[in-house]
Amino acid sequence: MSAGQRVKTARKDGRQVVTLRRNAENDQVVVHCEVYPVNSLRVEPIRPGPFFFQTEKEATAFVEETSRALEYLGCTVS
């Protein structure tokens, strides 16, 4: 996720399954996450977190590692 790219979306079989949003709040970087379970008809996402980081580098590493895990699970991340 580059400095300009603040949102990443993961899709599996054409369905959106995860959205990660990164933004600065009160001298911290916060990652908000929305998870749409693939094994249910749930319309509203599950929202784990938010996840707080002291630096942009830490938040970016978290998002990149999460994205890589989702790719291993067969998702397309953009």
N, C-alpha and C. Protein backbone atom coordinates (compact mmCIF):
# COMPACT_ATOMS: atom_id res chain seq x y z
N MET A 1 0.86 -1.17 0.00
CA MET A 1 0.00 0.00 0.00
C MET A 1 0.90 1.22 0.00
N SER A 2 0.85 1.99 -1.05
CA SER A 2 1.68 3.19 -1.13
C SER A 2 1.07 4.31 -0.29
N ALA A 3 1.81 5.39 -0.14
CA ALA A 3 1.32 6.51 0.64
C ALA A 3 0.00 7.03 0.09
N GLY A 4 -0.16 6.97 -1.23
CA GLY A 4 -1.40 7.45 -1.83
C GLY A 4 -2.53 6.45 -1.78
N GLN A 5 -2.20 5.16 -1.61
CA GLN A 5 -3.23 4.12 -1.60
C GLN A 5 -3.61 3.83 -0.16
N ARG A 6 -4.76 4.31 0.25
CA ARG A 6 -5.19 4.20 1.63
C ARG A 6 -6.18 3.07 1.85
N VAL A 7 -6.64 2.42 0.78
CA VAL A 7 -7.64 1.35 0.89
C VAL A 7 -7.18 0.15 0.08
N LYS A 8 -7.29 -1.03 0.66
CA LYS A 8 -7.04 -2.27 -0.07
C LYS A 8 -8.29 -3.13 0.06
N THR A 9 -8.62 -3.81 -1.03
CA THR A 9 -9.79 -4.68 -1.05
C THR A 9 -9.37 -6.06 -1.51
N ALA A 10 -9.86 -7.07 -0.79
CA ALA A 10 -9.60 -8.47 -1.17
C ALA A 10 -10.90 -9.09 -1.66
N ARG A 11 -10.79 -9.82 -2.77
CA ARG A 11 -11.94 -10.52 -3.35
C ARG A 11 -11.61 -11.98 -3.53
N LYS A 12 -12.62 -12.81 -3.33
CA LYS A 12 -12.49 -14.24 -3.58
C LYS A 12 -13.69 -14.68 -4.39
N ASP A 13 -13.41 -15.31 -5.52
CA ASP A 13 -14.48 -15.75 -6.42
C ASP A 13 -15.41 -14.59 -6.80
N GLY A 14 -14.81 -13.39 -6.96
CA GLY A 14 -15.58 -12.22 -7.37
C GLY A 14 -16.29 -11.50 -6.25
N ARG A 15 -16.30 -12.07 -5.05
CA ARG A 15 -16.98 -11.43 -3.91
C ARG A 15 -15.97 -10.68 -3.04
N GLN A 16 -16.35 -9.48 -2.63
CA GLN A 16 -15.51 -8.72 -1.71
C GLN A 16 -15.54 -9.43 -0.36
N VAL A 17 -14.34 -9.72 0.19
CA VAL A 17 -14.28 -10.40 1.48
C VAL A 17 -13.61 -9.56 2.57
N VAL A 18 -12.70 -8.66 2.19
CA VAL A 18 -12.03 -7.82 3.19
C VAL A 18 -11.73 -6.45 2.59
N THR A 19 -11.94 -5.41 3.40
CA THR A 19 -11.49 -4.07 3.06
C THR A 19 -10.65 -3.55 4.22
N LEU A 20 -9.46 -3.05 3.91
CA LEU A 20 -8.57 -2.45 4.90
C LEU A 20 -8.43 -0.97 4.56
N ARG A 21 -8.69 -0.11 5.56
CA ARG A 21 -8.55 1.34 5.37
C ARG A 21 -7.55 1.86 6.38
N ARG A 22 -6.60 2.63 5.88
CA ARG A 22 -5.54 3.17 6.72
C ARG A 22 -5.66 4.69 6.75
N ASN A 23 -5.62 5.29 7.95
CA ASN A 23 -5.63 6.75 8.03
C ASN A 23 -5.00 7.22 9.34
N ALA A 24 -4.56 8.47 9.32
CA ALA A 24 -3.93 9.08 10.50
C ALA A 24 -5.00 9.67 11.39
N GLU A 25 -4.88 9.37 12.69
CA GLU A 25 -5.80 9.90 13.69
C GLU A 25 -5.03 10.17 14.98
N ASN A 26 -5.07 11.40 15.46
CA ASN A 26 -4.49 11.73 16.77
C ASN A 26 -3.07 11.20 16.96
N ASP A 27 -2.16 11.56 16.09
CA ASP A 27 -0.75 11.17 16.18
C ASP A 27 -0.52 9.66 16.09
N GLN A 28 -1.48 8.94 15.55
CA GLN A 28 -1.33 7.51 15.32
C GLN A 28 -1.82 7.19 13.92
N VAL A 29 -1.48 6.00 13.46
CA VAL A 29 -2.02 5.52 12.20
C VAL A 29 -2.96 4.38 12.56
N VAL A 30 -4.18 4.46 12.04
CA VAL A 30 -5.22 3.49 12.39
C VAL A 30 -5.61 2.71 11.14
N VAL A 31 -5.72 1.39 11.30
CA VAL A 31 -6.21 0.54 10.22
C VAL A 31 -7.57 0.01 10.63
N HIS A 32 -8.57 0.33 9.82
CA HIS A 32 -9.93 -0.17 10.02
C HIS A 32 -10.13 -1.33 9.05
N CYS A 33 -10.84 -2.34 9.51
CA CYS A 33 -11.01 -3.55 8.72
C CYS A 33 -12.49 -3.93 8.66
N GLU A 34 -12.95 -4.31 7.48
CA GLU A 34 -14.30 -4.85 7.29
C GLU A 34 -14.15 -6.23 6.67
N VAL A 35 -14.78 -7.22 7.28
CA VAL A 35 -14.69 -8.60 6.82
C VAL A 35 -16.08 -9.09 6.46
N TYR A 36 -16.21 -9.60 5.25
CA TYR A 36 -17.47 -10.18 4.77
C TYR A 36 -17.27 -11.68 4.67
N PRO A 37 -17.78 -12.47 5.63
CA PRO A 37 -17.57 -13.92 5.60
C PRO A 37 -18.08 -14.54 4.30
N VAL A 38 -17.28 -15.44 3.72
CA VAL A 38 -17.66 -16.06 2.46
C VAL A 38 -18.64 -17.22 2.64
N ASN A 39 -18.77 -17.70 3.86
CA ASN A 39 -19.65 -18.85 4.10
C ASN A 39 -21.00 -18.46 4.68
N SER A 40 -21.41 -17.20 4.50
CA SER A 40 -22.71 -16.77 5.01
C SER A 40 -23.32 -15.74 4.06
N LEU A 41 -24.57 -15.45 4.30
CA LEU A 41 -25.27 -14.44 3.50
C LEU A 41 -25.29 -13.10 4.22
N ARG A 42 -24.45 -12.94 5.20
CA ARG A 42 -24.37 -11.72 6.00
C ARG A 42 -24.11 -10.52 5.08
N VAL A 43 -24.92 -9.47 5.25
CA VAL A 43 -24.77 -8.26 4.45
C VAL A 43 -23.85 -7.26 5.14
N GLU A 44 -24.02 -7.11 6.44
CA GLU A 44 -23.18 -6.19 7.20
C GLU A 44 -21.84 -6.85 7.51
N PRO A 45 -20.75 -6.13 7.35
CA PRO A 45 -19.44 -6.72 7.62
C PRO A 45 -19.16 -6.86 9.11
N ILE A 46 -18.27 -7.77 9.43
CA ILE A 46 -17.70 -7.86 10.78
C ILE A 46 -16.57 -6.84 10.80
N ARG A 47 -16.42 -6.11 11.90
CA ARG A 47 -15.39 -5.06 11.97
C ARG A 47 -14.42 -5.31 13.13
N PRO A 48 -13.43 -6.18 12.90
CA PRO A 48 -12.42 -6.36 13.94
C PRO A 48 -11.56 -5.11 14.06
N GLY A 49 -10.99 -4.91 15.22
CA GLY A 49 -10.15 -3.71 15.40
C GLY A 49 -10.97 -2.56 15.93
N PRO A 50 -10.53 -1.34 15.72
CA PRO A 50 -9.44 -0.87 14.86
C PRO A 50 -8.07 -1.22 15.43
N PHE A 51 -7.09 -1.18 14.55
CA PHE A 51 -5.72 -1.51 14.90
C PHE A 51 -4.90 -0.22 14.87
N PHE A 52 -4.23 0.08 15.99
CA PHE A 52 -3.48 1.33 16.15
C PHE A 52 -1.98 1.10 16.04
N PHE A 53 -1.30 2.01 15.32
CA PHE A 53 0.14 1.92 15.13
C PHE A 53 0.76 3.29 15.37
N GLN A 54 2.00 3.27 15.86
CA GLN A 54 2.70 4.53 16.14
C GLN A 54 3.25 5.18 14.88
N THR A 55 3.57 4.36 13.87
CA THR A 55 4.17 4.92 12.65
C THR A 55 3.45 4.40 11.41
N GLU A 56 3.62 5.13 10.34
CA GLU A 56 3.09 4.73 9.04
C GLU A 56 3.74 3.42 8.59
N LYS A 57 5.01 3.25 8.87
CA LYS A 57 5.74 2.05 8.48
C LYS A 57 5.13 0.80 9.15
N GLU A 58 4.81 0.90 10.43
CA GLU A 58 4.20 -0.23 11.14
C GLU A 58 2.83 -0.57 10.56
N ALA A 59 2.03 0.44 10.28
CA ALA A 59 0.69 0.22 9.73
C ALA A 59 0.78 -0.40 8.33
N THR A 60 1.71 0.08 7.54
CA THR A 60 1.89 -0.45 6.19
C THR A 60 2.34 -1.91 6.25
N ALA A 61 3.23 -2.24 7.17
CA ALA A 61 3.68 -3.63 7.32
C ALA A 61 2.50 -4.53 7.69
N PHE A 62 1.64 -4.08 8.59
CA PHE A 62 0.46 -4.84 8.99
C PHE A 62 -0.45 -5.09 7.79
N VAL A 63 -0.72 -4.05 7.02
CA VAL A 63 -1.60 -4.17 5.85
C VAL A 63 -0.98 -5.09 4.80
N GLU A 64 0.31 -4.97 4.57
CA GLU A 64 0.99 -5.80 3.58
C GLU A 64 1.00 -7.27 4.00
N GLU A 65 1.26 -7.54 5.28
CA GLU A 65 1.25 -8.92 5.76
C GLU A 65 -0.16 -9.52 5.69
N THR A 66 -1.15 -8.74 6.04
CA THR A 66 -2.54 -9.19 5.95
C THR A 66 -2.91 -9.47 4.50
N SER A 67 -2.50 -8.61 3.59
CA SER A 67 -2.77 -8.80 2.17
C SER A 67 -2.12 -10.06 1.64
N ARG A 68 -0.88 -10.30 2.06
CA ARG A 68 -0.16 -11.50 1.63
C ARG A 68 -0.87 -12.76 2.13
N ALA A 69 -1.34 -12.75 3.37
CA ALA A 69 -2.08 -13.89 3.91
C ALA A 69 -3.35 -14.13 3.11
N LEU A 70 -4.04 -13.07 2.76
CA LEU A 70 -5.27 -13.21 1.97
C LEU A 70 -4.97 -13.77 0.57
N GLU A 71 -3.86 -13.36 0.00
CA GLU A 71 -3.46 -13.90 -1.31
C GLU A 71 -3.16 -15.40 -1.20
N TYR A 72 -2.49 -15.82 -0.13
CA TYR A 72 -2.22 -17.25 0.08
C TYR A 72 -3.52 -18.04 0.18
N LEU A 73 -4.57 -17.38 0.70
CA LEU A 73 -5.87 -18.03 0.84
C LEU A 73 -6.71 -17.96 -0.43
N GLY A 74 -6.10 -17.45 -1.51
CA GLY A 74 -6.78 -17.45 -2.80
C GLY A 74 -7.51 -16.18 -3.16
N CYS A 75 -7.28 -15.11 -2.42
CA CYS A 75 -7.95 -13.84 -2.72
C CYS A 75 -7.11 -13.01 -3.70
N THR A 76 -7.78 -12.13 -4.40
CA THR A 76 -7.14 -11.13 -5.24
C THR A 76 -7.19 -9.83 -4.47
N VAL A 77 -6.05 -9.20 -4.26
CA VAL A 77 -5.98 -7.97 -3.47
C VAL A 77 -5.61 -6.81 -4.37
N SER A 78 -6.39 -5.74 -4.26
CA SER A 78 -6.10 -4.54 -5.06
C SER A 78 -6.27 -3.30 -4.22
